Amino acid sequence: MSSVSRKPVLRVRRSGALLVASVIALVGTLPIAGARWALSPILLIPLAVFVWALRAGTDVYPDRLRVRALFGSTTVSWDEVAELAPDEQGRVSALLVTGNVLRLSGVTTANLPAVLAAAGQEVSNPPTPD
């Protein structure tokens, strides 16, 4: 029986500035929500952003990736990942062998080497045309 780590080797999350911004937005909406009872649902917006910033991200395990969102998560084994491809904004997506694309929350080109190192995956460069 192989031992599978339940704790991720690396957790990649968005900037902590989102947490601070959502708390500031929550404090800013309190006077508006306190003015009338009917406006109280406006508090749900910064609260949802806070929970999303806290939860959303990518967990890297030696044998799989888990991408977490506000609601739910998707787990993909490294065998299902054909390649990791950055886009123009520096965000990284996993191209799966099935042809699907899975956006890796929080993973950028800056922290991609750390993600690959944590997973024990090698970096391979595409062949250059002659």
C-alpha atoms as a PDB file:
ATOM      1  CA  MET A   1       0.000   0.000   0.000  1.00  0.00           C
ATOM      2  CA  SER A   2       1.520   3.317  -1.045  1.00  0.00           C
ATOM      3  CA  SER A   3       1.370   6.218   1.324  1.00  0.00           C
ATOM      4  CA  VAL A   4      -0.292   9.289  -0.106  1.00  0.00           C
ATOM      5  CA  SER A   5       0.265  12.577   1.673  1.00  0.00           C
ATOM      6  CA  ARG A   6      -2.991  14.226   2.679  1.00  0.00           C
ATOM      7  CA  LYS A   7      -1.242  17.544   3.269  1.00  0.00           C
ATOM      8  CA  PRO A   8      -0.141  19.433   0.157  1.00  0.00           C
ATOM      9  CA  VAL A   9       3.550  20.010  -0.408  1.00  0.00           C
ATOM     10  CA  LEU A  10       2.805  23.553  -1.580  1.00  0.00           C
ATOM     11  CA  ARG A  11      -0.245  25.795  -1.316  1.00  0.00           C
ATOM     12  CA  VAL A  12      -0.434  28.620  -3.830  1.00  0.00           C
ATOM     13  CA  ARG A  13      -2.893  31.359  -2.962  1.00  0.00           C
ATOM     14  CA  ARG A  14      -3.652  34.836  -4.202  1.00  0.00           C
ATOM     15  CA  SER A  15      -2.124  37.888  -2.585  1.00  0.00           C
ATOM     16  CA  GLY A  16      -3.006  38.650   1.022  1.00  0.00           C
ATOM     17  CA  ALA A  17      -3.894  42.143  -0.137  1.00  0.00           C
ATOM     18  CA  LEU A  18      -7.247  40.739  -1.285  1.00  0.00           C
ATOM     19  CA  LEU A  19      -8.049  39.743   2.286  1.00  0.00           C
ATOM     20  CA  VAL A  20      -7.218  43.224   3.543  1.00  0.00           C
ATOM     21  CA  ALA A  21      -9.210  44.855   0.742  1.00  0.00           C
ATOM     22  CA  SER A  22     -12.253  42.710   1.479  1.00  0.00           C
ATOM     23  CA  VAL A  23     -12.127  43.606   5.186  1.00  0.00           C
ATOM     24  CA  ILE A  24     -11.879  47.307   4.284  1.00  0.00           C
ATOM     25  CA  ALA A  25     -14.824  46.898   1.900  1.00  0.00           C
ATOM     26  CA  LEU A  26     -16.813  45.138   4.623  1.00  0.00           C
ATOM     27  CA  VAL A  27     -16.163  47.980   7.062  1.00  0.00           C
ATOM     28  CA  GLY A  28     -17.075  50.470   4.340  1.00  0.00           C
ATOM     29  CA  THR A  29     -20.403  48.797   3.646  1.00  0.00           C
ATOM     30  CA  LEU A  30     -21.458  48.676   7.303  1.00  0.00           C
ATOM     31  CA  PRO A  31     -22.853  52.253   7.341  1.00  0.00           C
ATOM     32  CA  ILE A  32     -24.774  51.595   4.128  1.00  0.00           C
ATOM     33  CA  ALA A  33     -26.179  48.312   5.418  1.00  0.00           C
ATOM     34  CA  GLY A  34     -26.974  49.891   8.768  1.00  0.00           C
ATOM     35  CA  ALA A  35     -28.982  52.684   7.201  1.00  0.00           C
ATOM     36  CA  ARG A  36     -31.779  50.363   6.114  1.00  0.00           C
ATOM     37  CA  TRP A  37     -32.487  46.737   6.788  1.00  0.00           C
ATOM     38  CA  ALA A  38     -33.195  46.122   3.088  1.00  0.00           C
ATOM     39  CA  LEU A  39     -29.586  47.065   2.238  1.00  0.00           C
ATOM     40  CA  SER A  40     -28.033  44.465   4.563  1.00  0.00           C
ATOM     41  CA  PRO A  41     -27.460  41.893   1.758  1.00  0.00           C
ATOM     42  CA  ILE A  42     -24.772  44.238   0.400  1.00  0.00           C
ATOM     43  CA  LEU A  43     -22.557  42.886   3.215  1.00  0.00           C
ATOM     44  CA  LEU A  44     -22.494  39.532   1.429  1.00  0.00           C
ATOM     45  CA  ILE A  45     -20.348  40.881  -1.409  1.00  0.00           C
ATOM     46  CA  PRO A  46     -17.187  41.709   0.587  1.00  0.00           C
ATOM     47  CA  LEU A  47     -17.790  38.638   2.736  1.00  0.00           C
ATOM     48  CA  ALA A  48     -17.847  36.424  -0.378  1.00  0.00           C
ATOM     49  CA  VAL A  49     -14.657  38.075  -1.656  1.00  0.00           C
ATOM     50  CA  PHE A  50     -13.003  37.392   1.716  1.00  0.00           C
ATOM     51  CA  VAL A  51     -13.957  33.699   1.665  1.00  0.00           C
ATOM     52  CA  TRP A  52     -12.903  33.396  -1.989  1.00  0.00           C
ATOM     53  CA  ALA A  53      -9.503  35.003  -1.317  1.00  0.00           C
ATOM     54  CA  LEU A  54      -8.997  32.721   1.672  1.00  0.00           C
ATOM     55  CA  ARG A  55     -10.067  29.502  -0.078  1.00  0.00           C
ATOM     56  CA  ALA A  56      -9.230  29.798  -3.786  1.00  0.00           C
ATOM     57  CA  GLY A  57      -5.856  28.564  -4.965  1.00  0.00           C
ATOM     58  CA  THR A  58      -3.905  25.534  -6.077  1.00  0.00           C
ATOM     59  CA  ASP A  59      -2.671  22.768  -3.782  1.00  0.00           C
ATOM     60  CA  VAL A  60       0.316  20.825  -5.117  1.00  0.00           C
ATOM     61  CA  TYR A  61       0.825  17.214  -4.102  1.00  0.00           C
ATOM     62  CA  PRO A  62       3.525  14.848  -5.386  1.00  0.00           C
ATOM     63  CA  ASP A  63       0.927  12.857  -7.347  1.00  0.00           C
ATOM     64  CA  ARG A  64      -1.818  15.404  -8.115  1.00  0.00           C
ATOM     65  CA  LEU A  65      -3.010  19.001  -8.287  1.00  0.00           C
ATOM     66  CA  ARG A  66      -6.101  20.334  -6.563  1.00  0.00           C
ATOM     67  CA  VAL A  67      -7.564  23.610  -7.793  1.00  0.00           C
ATOM     68  CA  ARG A  68      -9.903  25.202  -5.281  1.00  0.00           C
ATOM     69  CA  ALA A  69     -12.525  27.856  -5.994  1.00  0.00           C
ATOM     70  CA  LEU A  70     -15.136  29.624  -3.868  1.00  0.00           C
ATOM     71  CA  PHE A  71     -17.388  26.576  -4.200  1.00  0.00           C
ATOM     72  CA  GLY A  72     -15.883  23.166  -4.904  1.00  0.00           C
ATOM     73  CA  SER A  73     -12.547  21.946  -6.145  1.00  0.00           C
ATOM     74  CA  THR A  74     -11.079  19.953  -9.007  1.00  0.00           C
ATOM     75  CA  THR A  75      -8.401  17.307  -8.537  1.00  0.00           C
ATOM     76  CA  VAL A  76      -6.197  16.193 -11.418  1.00  0.00           C
ATOM     77  CA  SER A  77      -3.366  13.674 -11.256  1.00  0.00           C
ATOM     78  CA  TRP A  78      -0.033  14.645 -12.782  1.00  0.00           C
ATOM     79  CA  ASP A  79      -0.511  11.821 -15.320  1.00  0.00           C
ATOM     80  CA  GLU A  80      -3.493  13.717 -16.747  1.00  0.00           C
ATOM     81  CA  VAL A  81      -1.512  16.941 -17.246  1.00  0.00           C
ATOM     82  CA  ALA A  82       0.054  17.251 -20.686  1.00  0.00           C
ATOM     83  CA  GLU A  83       1.704  20.614 -20.002  1.00  0.00           C
ATOM     84  CA  LEU A  84       1.514  23.787 -17.974  1.00  0.00           C
ATOM     85  CA  ALA A  85       1.160  26.833 -20.199  1.00  0.00           C
ATOM     86  CA  PRO A  86       1.367  30.514 -19.239  1.00  0.00           C
ATOM     87  CA  ASP A  87      -0.775  33.159 -20.914  1.00  0.00           C
ATOM     88  CA  GLU A  88      -0.047  36.800 -21.764  1.00  0.00           C
ATOM     89  CA  GLN A  89      -1.016  38.013 -18.268  1.00  0.00           C
ATOM     90  CA  GLY A  90       1.384  35.583 -16.576  1.00  0.00           C
ATOM     91  CA  ARG A  91      -1.325  33.216 -15.325  1.00  0.00           C
ATOM     92  CA  VAL A  92      -0.758  29.482 -15.742  1.00  0.00           C
ATOM     93  CA  SER A  93      -3.179  26.854 -17.040  1.00  0.00           C
ATOM     94  CA  ALA A  94      -2.860  23.093 -17.115  1.00  0.00           C
ATOM     95  CA  LEU A  95      -3.483  21.562 -20.524  1.00  0.00           C
ATOM     96  CA  LEU A  96      -4.879  18.093 -19.903  1.00  0.00           C
ATOM     97  CA  VAL A  97      -4.388  15.024 -22.076  1.00  0.00           C
ATOM     98  CA  THR A  98      -8.153  15.054 -22.711  1.00  0.00           C
ATOM     99  CA  GLY A  99      -7.794  18.441 -24.416  1.00  0.00           C
ATOM    100  CA  ASN A 100      -9.409  20.397 -21.587  1.00  0.00           C
ATOM    101  CA  VAL A 101      -7.789  23.450 -20.022  1.00  0.00           C
ATOM    102  CA  LEU A 102      -7.740  23.952 -16.257  1.00  0.00           C
ATOM    103  CA  ARG A 103      -6.771  27.394 -14.957  1.00  0.00           C
ATOM    104  CA  LEU A 104      -4.528  27.073 -11.893  1.00  0.00           C
ATOM    105  CA  SER A 105      -5.703  29.682  -9.375  1.00  0.00           C
ATOM    106  CA  GLY A 106      -2.875  31.693  -7.883  1.00  0.00           C
ATOM    107  CA  VAL A 107      -0.162  30.113 -10.036  1.00  0.00           C
ATOM    108  CA  THR A 108       1.822  32.603 -12.093  1.00  0.00           C
ATOM    109  CA  THR A 109       4.948  32.369 -14.188  1.00  0.00           C
ATOM    110  CA  ALA A 110       6.867  33.721 -11.183  1.00  0.00           C
ATOM    111  CA  ASN A 111       5.940  30.812  -8.894  1.00  0.00           C
ATOM    112  CA  LEU A 112       5.682  28.089 -11.554  1.00  0.00           C
ATOM    113  CA  PRO A 113       9.201  26.739 -10.838  1.00  0.00           C
ATOM    114  CA  ALA A 114       8.261  26.340  -7.159  1.00  0.00           C
ATOM    115  CA  VAL A 115       5.103  24.450  -8.148  1.00  0.00           C
ATOM    116  CA  LEU A 116       7.062  22.083 -10.380  1.00  0.00           C
ATOM    117  CA  ALA A 117       9.779  21.586  -7.764  1.00  0.00           C
ATOM    118  CA  ALA A 118       7.206  20.819  -5.057  1.00  0.00           C
ATOM    119  CA  ALA A 119       5.603  18.217  -7.283  1.00  0.00           C
ATOM    120  CA  GLY A 120       8.922  16.676  -8.280  1.00  0.00           C
ATOM    121  CA  GLN A 121       8.205  17.411 -11.938  1.00  0.00           C
ATOM    122  CA  GLU A 122      10.899  18.427 -14.376  1.00  0.00           C
ATOM    123  CA  VAL A 123      10.900  21.585 -16.432  1.00  0.00           C
ATOM    124  CA  SER A 124      11.113  20.850 -20.113  1.00  0.00           C
ATOM    125  CA  ASN A 125      11.539  23.508 -22.741  1.00  0.00           C
ATOM    126  CA  PRO A 126       9.872  23.059 -26.122  1.00  0.00           C
ATOM    127  CA  PRO A 127      12.235  22.372 -28.984  1.00  0.00           C
ATOM    128  CA  THR A 128      13.382  25.482 -30.801  1.00  0.00           C
ATOM    129  CA  PRO A 129      12.718  25.636 -34.533  1.00  0.00           C
ATOM    130  CA  ASP A 130      15.808  25.540 -36.739  1.00  0.00           C
END
